[in-house]
Amino acid sequence: MAIHPTAVIDRQAEIDPTAEIGPYVIIEGPVKIAAHTQVRAHAYLSGWTEIGERCDIHPLAVVGHMPQDFHYGGERSYCKIGNGVVIRESATVHRGTQPESTTWVGDECFLLAHSHVGHNCRLGRGVKVYNMAALSGHVEADDFAIISGYGAVHQFTRIGRYAFVAGGARALMDVPPFMTCYGVSTIVQYNAIGMRRAGFDTAAINEIRRAFRLLYGSGIPFSRAATQLAETVETDAGRMLVEFLQAESKRGYCAGSRSHRSAPEWSEAGAQDIPGEADTEATPEQA
């Protein structure tokens, strides 16, 4: 075990012999750190926090600290970080508010510099939270969702699989899978480039295109359009979208832009011809 002599480690902590603890790290409370994880200089870990294998926690990151909730009274709650998670400089992840509740960060997530994951959030696999982005309490971000720099997500909001919240956007309501949110809770397009890079085939991408036009461009009330969509989907991607829309929503759903462009049929050769699609909207590779 490589522990720098300046690190301050609570006697209750459980640290795997293969983990590395850097200079001036503070570990307070019964923190558990799994194999091959590196905690770099000046990071702070506290509370009932569990860090998975092969994680990389960078300088000044704060993981498992008390939630920013006036109702929190010091009760035992948890912060659980999966395997292969990268937490960059000055990022913060807070533990749950209610007794025995948990903040979850799934495997292979990237929390970039100065990003914030609030209490009781649940992040799926491969979620990316970019610089200065903030997730309020109880946010759910499903697998491979992206929250871009300076993006903000309201408490209890859901971000669907492969969804994209643009830089500086504010997601005050749920963002369905594969959709892109710009401005203030506005869906302007679907993430075709991201779907292609994730390995979805033409049929799946075109079905999401049709779903986007039905939900946001047909003029049909959203709930009725969602019901109609559920009766017609044929691909796994379409079923992911329907499942999300049929689940409970505490915030409702982001609205479409009145000025959005219609989306043409997808083709591999014509990928760059899709109006409004930005090449920067790539998601991680699909597992």
Protein backbone atom coordinates (compact mmCIF):
# COMPACT_ATOMS: atom_id res chain seq x y z
CA MET A 1 0.00 0.00 0.00
CA ALA A 2 1.40 3.40 -1.03
CA ILE A 3 0.26 6.03 1.47
CA HIS A 4 2.07 9.34 1.55
CA PRO A 5 3.26 10.23 5.07
CA THR A 6 1.39 13.55 4.99
CA ALA A 7 -1.99 11.89 4.38
CA VAL A 8 -4.46 11.93 7.29
CA ILE A 9 -6.45 8.69 7.43
CA ASP A 10 -9.17 7.77 9.88
CA ARG A 11 -8.67 4.51 11.76
CA GLN A 12 -12.10 3.37 10.59
CA ALA A 13 -11.10 3.57 6.93
CA GLU A 14 -10.59 0.37 4.93
CA ILE A 15 -8.06 0.76 2.14
CA ASP A 16 -7.02 -1.99 -0.26
CA PRO A 17 -3.27 -2.72 -0.21
CA THR A 18 -3.01 -1.86 -3.92
CA ALA A 19 -4.57 1.60 -3.57
CA GLU A 20 -2.45 4.75 -3.65
CA ILE A 21 -3.05 7.70 -1.32
CA GLY A 22 -1.25 10.93 -2.24
CA PRO A 23 0.12 13.88 -0.25
CA TYR A 24 -2.19 15.73 2.13
CA VAL A 25 -5.19 13.55 1.36
CA ILE A 26 -7.77 13.52 4.18
CA ILE A 27 -9.92 10.44 4.70
CA GLU A 28 -12.44 10.94 7.49
CA GLY A 29 -14.78 8.22 8.73
CA PRO A 30 -15.39 4.62 7.63
CA VAL A 31 -14.44 5.18 3.99
CA LYS A 32 -13.78 2.06 1.90
CA ILE A 33 -11.37 2.18 -1.04
CA ALA A 34 -11.05 -0.79 -3.39
CA ALA A 35 -8.13 -2.16 -5.38
CA HIS A 36 -5.92 -0.10 -7.69
CA THR A 37 -7.66 3.19 -6.93
CA GLN A 38 -5.57 6.34 -6.79
CA VAL A 39 -6.45 9.28 -4.55
CA ARG A 40 -4.31 12.27 -5.50
CA ALA A 41 -2.99 15.17 -3.44
CA HIS A 42 -5.37 17.21 -1.27
CA ALA A 43 -8.48 15.17 -2.05
CA TYR A 44 -11.04 14.81 0.76
CA LEU A 45 -13.12 11.67 1.31
CA SER A 46 -15.53 11.33 4.20
CA GLY A 47 -18.51 9.57 5.70
CA TRP A 48 -19.91 6.21 4.73
CA THR A 49 -18.32 6.30 1.31
CA GLU A 50 -17.31 3.35 -0.87
CA ILE A 51 -14.93 3.82 -3.78
CA GLY A 52 -14.72 1.06 -6.39
CA GLU A 53 -11.74 -0.41 -8.19
CA ARG A 54 -9.46 1.48 -10.58
CA CYS A 55 -10.88 4.89 -9.75
CA ASP A 56 -8.82 8.06 -10.14
CA ILE A 57 -9.66 10.87 -7.71
CA HIS A 58 -7.82 14.09 -8.52
CA PRO A 59 -6.57 16.97 -6.35
CA LEU A 60 -9.11 18.91 -4.28
CA ALA A 61 -11.98 16.57 -5.14
CA VAL A 62 -14.52 16.13 -2.34
CA VAL A 63 -16.32 12.78 -2.22
CA GLY A 64 -18.94 11.67 0.31
CA HIS A 65 -19.15 14.92 2.25
CA MET A 66 -22.33 16.13 3.95
CA PRO A 67 -25.18 17.06 1.58
CA GLN A 68 -26.08 20.67 0.94
CA ASP A 69 -29.50 20.23 2.49
CA PHE A 70 -30.73 22.23 5.47
CA HIS A 71 -32.71 19.20 6.67
CA TYR A 72 -29.64 17.00 7.04
CA GLY A 73 -28.90 16.27 10.68
CA GLY A 74 -25.82 14.09 10.52
CA GLU A 75 -27.61 10.77 10.08
CA ARG A 76 -25.83 7.86 8.42
CA SER A 77 -26.17 8.00 4.65
CA TYR A 78 -23.99 6.76 1.83
CA CYS A 79 -21.99 7.66 -1.24
CA LYS A 80 -21.10 4.77 -3.54
CA ILE A 81 -18.71 5.17 -6.45
CA GLY A 82 -18.45 2.38 -9.04
CA ASN A 83 -15.41 0.95 -10.80
CA GLY A 84 -13.24 2.93 -13.18
CA VAL A 85 -14.67 6.31 -12.23
CA VAL A 86 -12.62 9.46 -12.85
CA ILE A 87 -13.27 12.43 -10.56
CA ARG A 88 -11.29 15.46 -11.64
CA GLU A 89 -10.03 18.55 -9.82
CA SER A 90 -12.40 20.20 -7.33
CA ALA A 91 -15.37 18.04 -8.32
CA THR A 92 -17.85 17.30 -5.52
CA VAL A 93 -20.05 14.28 -4.84
CA HIS A 94 -22.25 14.46 -1.73
CA ARG A 95 -23.78 11.58 0.20
CA GLY A 96 -27.52 11.07 0.67
CA THR A 97 -29.75 13.26 2.80
CA GLN A 98 -32.29 10.89 4.32
CA PRO A 99 -31.07 8.26 6.80
CA GLU A 100 -29.68 5.19 5.00
CA SER A 101 -30.13 6.80 1.58
CA THR A 102 -27.43 6.73 -1.07
CA THR A 103 -25.83 8.77 -3.81
CA TRP A 104 -24.78 6.42 -6.63
CA VAL A 105 -22.17 6.99 -9.33
CA GLY A 106 -22.02 4.10 -11.79
CA ASP A 107 -19.04 2.42 -13.40
CA GLU A 108 -16.80 4.37 -15.78
CA CYS A 109 -18.34 7.77 -15.16
CA PHE A 110 -16.32 10.93 -15.75
CA LEU A 111 -16.90 13.88 -13.42
CA LEU A 112 -14.76 16.68 -14.76
CA ALA A 113 -13.26 19.69 -13.00
CA HIS A 114 -15.57 21.65 -10.68
CA SER A 115 -18.59 19.52 -11.54
CA HIS A 116 -21.13 18.75 -8.81
CA VAL A 117 -23.21 15.65 -8.11
CA GLY A 118 -25.75 16.46 -5.42
CA HIS A 119 -27.19 14.27 -2.70
CA ASN A 120 -29.21 11.20 -3.69
CA CYS A 121 -28.30 11.44 -7.37
CA ARG A 122 -28.13 8.21 -9.36
CA LEU A 123 -25.74 8.08 -12.29
CA GLY A 124 -25.69 5.09 -14.61
CA ARG A 125 -22.73 3.68 -16.46
CA GLY A 126 -20.48 5.95 -18.51
CA VAL A 127 -22.18 9.23 -17.64
CA LYS A 128 -20.08 12.33 -18.35
CA VAL A 129 -20.53 15.50 -16.33
CA TYR A 130 -18.33 18.19 -17.82
CA ASN A 131 -16.58 21.18 -16.26
CA MET A 132 -18.72 23.35 -13.97
CA ALA A 133 -21.88 21.34 -14.66
CA ALA A 134 -24.16 20.73 -11.67
CA LEU A 135 -26.69 18.03 -10.84
CA SER A 136 -29.07 18.99 -8.05
CA GLY A 137 -30.35 16.51 -5.50
CA HIS A 138 -32.18 13.35 -6.60
CA VAL A 139 -31.26 13.73 -10.28
CA GLU A 140 -31.15 10.50 -12.29
CA ALA A 141 -28.80 10.36 -15.28
CA ASP A 142 -29.05 7.09 -17.19
CA ASP A 143 -26.27 5.23 -18.99
CA PHE A 144 -24.01 7.29 -21.28
CA ALA A 145 -25.86 10.56 -20.75
CA ILE A 146 -23.78 13.71 -21.21
CA ILE A 147 -24.14 16.95 -19.27
CA SER A 148 -21.93 19.53 -20.94
CA GLY A 149 -19.94 22.34 -19.36
CA TYR A 150 -21.92 24.79 -17.22
CA GLY A 151 -25.06 22.71 -17.71
CA ALA A 152 -27.49 22.61 -14.79
CA VAL A 153 -30.08 19.97 -13.94
CA HIS A 154 -32.98 20.69 -11.57
CA GLN A 155 -33.61 18.42 -8.60
CA PHE A 156 -35.68 15.26 -9.26
CA THR A 157 -35.09 15.59 -13.01
CA ARG A 158 -34.31 12.52 -15.14
CA ILE A 159 -31.81 12.49 -17.99
CA GLY A 160 -32.32 9.51 -20.30
CA ARG A 161 -29.80 7.14 -21.87
CA TYR A 162 -27.58 8.74 -24.49
CA ALA A 163 -29.28 12.08 -23.92
CA PHE A 164 -27.23 15.25 -24.34
CA VAL A 165 -27.56 18.43 -22.27
CA ALA A 166 -25.72 21.17 -24.14
CA GLY A 167 -23.21 23.60 -22.69
CA GLY A 168 -24.89 26.16 -20.45
CA ALA A 169 -28.31 24.53 -20.83
CA ARG A 170 -30.75 24.27 -17.94
CA ALA A 171 -32.70 21.03 -17.75
CA LEU A 172 -35.62 21.88 -15.49
CA MET A 173 -37.66 18.92 -16.72
CA ASP A 174 -36.94 15.37 -17.90
CA VAL A 175 -34.82 14.89 -21.03
CA PRO A 176 -35.86 11.66 -22.81
CA PRO A 177 -33.29 9.17 -24.10
CA PHE A 178 -31.40 10.13 -27.27
CA MET A 179 -32.68 13.72 -27.19
CA THR A 180 -30.62 16.90 -26.96
CA CYS A 181 -31.52 19.75 -24.61
CA TYR A 182 -30.47 23.33 -25.31
CA GLY A 183 -31.23 26.65 -23.64
CA VAL A 184 -33.92 26.33 -20.99
CA SER A 185 -35.50 22.87 -21.11
CA THR A 186 -35.81 22.84 -24.90
CA ILE A 187 -35.46 19.74 -27.06
CA VAL A 188 -34.23 20.83 -30.48
CA GLN A 189 -33.01 17.61 -32.09
CA TYR A 190 -32.10 13.99 -31.53
CA ASN A 191 -28.53 12.79 -31.08
CA ALA A 192 -27.96 10.97 -34.37
CA ILE A 193 -24.19 11.43 -34.38
CA GLY A 194 -23.95 10.12 -30.83
CA MET A 195 -26.12 7.12 -31.69
CA ARG A 196 -23.96 6.27 -34.69
CA ARG A 197 -20.78 6.45 -32.64
CA ALA A 198 -22.37 4.27 -29.97
CA GLY A 199 -23.03 1.55 -32.53
CA PHE A 200 -26.76 1.89 -33.14
CA ASP A 201 -27.84 0.76 -36.60
CA THR A 202 -29.77 2.68 -39.24
CA ALA A 203 -33.12 1.24 -38.21
CA ALA A 204 -32.69 2.35 -34.60
CA ILE A 205 -31.54 5.84 -35.56
CA ASN A 206 -34.43 6.32 -37.98
CA GLU A 207 -36.91 5.11 -35.39
CA ILE A 208 -35.63 7.70 -32.92
CA ARG A 209 -35.87 10.30 -35.70
CA ARG A 210 -39.51 9.42 -36.23
CA ALA A 211 -40.12 9.45 -32.48
CA PHE A 212 -38.55 12.91 -32.25
CA ARG A 213 -40.81 14.25 -34.97
CA LEU A 214 -43.88 12.64 -33.43
CA LEU A 215 -43.19 13.92 -29.92
CA TYR A 216 -41.91 17.37 -30.78
CA GLY A 217 -42.97 18.24 -34.32
CA SER A 218 -46.40 16.74 -34.96
CA GLY A 219 -48.51 19.13 -32.90
CA ILE A 220 -50.10 16.17 -31.12
CA PRO A 221 -50.29 16.59 -27.31
CA PHE A 222 -47.23 15.01 -25.76
CA SER A 223 -49.03 12.34 -23.72
CA ARG A 224 -51.05 11.21 -26.74
CA ALA A 225 -47.95 11.17 -28.93
CA ALA A 226 -46.15 9.04 -26.34
CA THR A 227 -49.03 6.56 -26.33
CA GLN A 228 -49.00 6.40 -30.11
CA LEU A 229 -45.24 5.87 -30.08
CA ALA A 230 -45.56 2.92 -27.70
CA GLU A 231 -47.80 1.15 -30.22
CA THR A 232 -45.35 1.41 -33.09
CA VAL A 233 -41.76 0.96 -31.84
CA GLU A 234 -39.77 -1.96 -33.22
CA THR A 235 -36.16 -1.46 -32.07
CA ASP A 236 -34.42 -1.66 -28.70
CA ALA A 237 -33.69 2.06 -28.90
CA GLY A 238 -37.36 2.82 -29.42
CA ARG A 239 -38.31 0.61 -26.51
CA MET A 240 -35.76 2.42 -24.28
CA LEU A 241 -37.49 5.69 -25.14
CA VAL A 242 -40.98 4.31 -24.51
CA GLU A 243 -39.94 2.78 -21.19
CA PHE A 244 -38.60 6.15 -20.07
CA LEU A 245 -41.81 7.94 -21.07
CA GLN A 246 -43.98 5.38 -19.28
CA ALA A 247 -42.06 5.66 -15.99
CA GLU A 248 -43.04 8.12 -13.29
CA SER A 249 -41.96 11.70 -13.93
CA LYS A 250 -41.87 14.19 -11.07
CA ARG A 251 -40.92 17.14 -13.28
CA GLY A 252 -42.69 16.53 -16.58
CA TYR A 253 -40.86 16.63 -19.91
CA CYS A 254 -38.86 19.26 -21.76
CA ALA A 255 -40.77 20.93 -24.58
CA GLY A 256 -39.76 21.04 -28.21
CA SER A 257 -38.50 24.15 -29.96
CA ARG A 258 -41.04 25.92 -32.14
CA SER A 259 -38.30 26.64 -34.63
CA HIS A 260 -36.65 23.20 -34.77
CA ARG A 261 -35.86 21.78 -38.17
CA SER A 262 -37.37 18.56 -39.41
CA ALA A 263 -34.99 15.62 -39.43
CA PRO A 264 -34.40 13.59 -42.61
CA GLU A 265 -34.00 9.84 -42.88
CA TRP A 266 -30.64 8.64 -41.56
CA SER A 267 -28.03 7.19 -43.89
CA GLU A 268 -24.43 6.33 -43.13
CA ALA A 269 -23.22 8.24 -46.19
CA GLY A 270 -25.24 11.32 -45.38
CA ALA A 271 -24.48 11.56 -41.69
CA GLN A 272 -23.16 15.11 -41.89
CA ASP A 273 -26.23 16.26 -43.86
CA ILE A 274 -28.54 16.06 -40.87
CA PRO A 275 -29.67 19.61 -40.07
CA GLY A 276 -28.59 20.82 -36.68
CA GLU A 277 -26.47 17.79 -35.82
CA ALA A 278 -23.15 18.73 -34.24
CA ASP A 279 -20.21 16.34 -34.37
CA THR A 280 -19.39 17.28 -30.78
CA GLU A 281 -22.49 15.45 -29.58
CA ALA A 282 -20.85 12.07 -29.40
CA THR A 283 -21.56 9.58 -26.65
CA PRO A 284 -19.18 6.87 -25.40
CA GLU A 285 -19.09 3.59 -27.21
CA GLN A 286 -22.04 1.35 -26.46
CA ALA A 287 -21.15 -1.68 -24.37
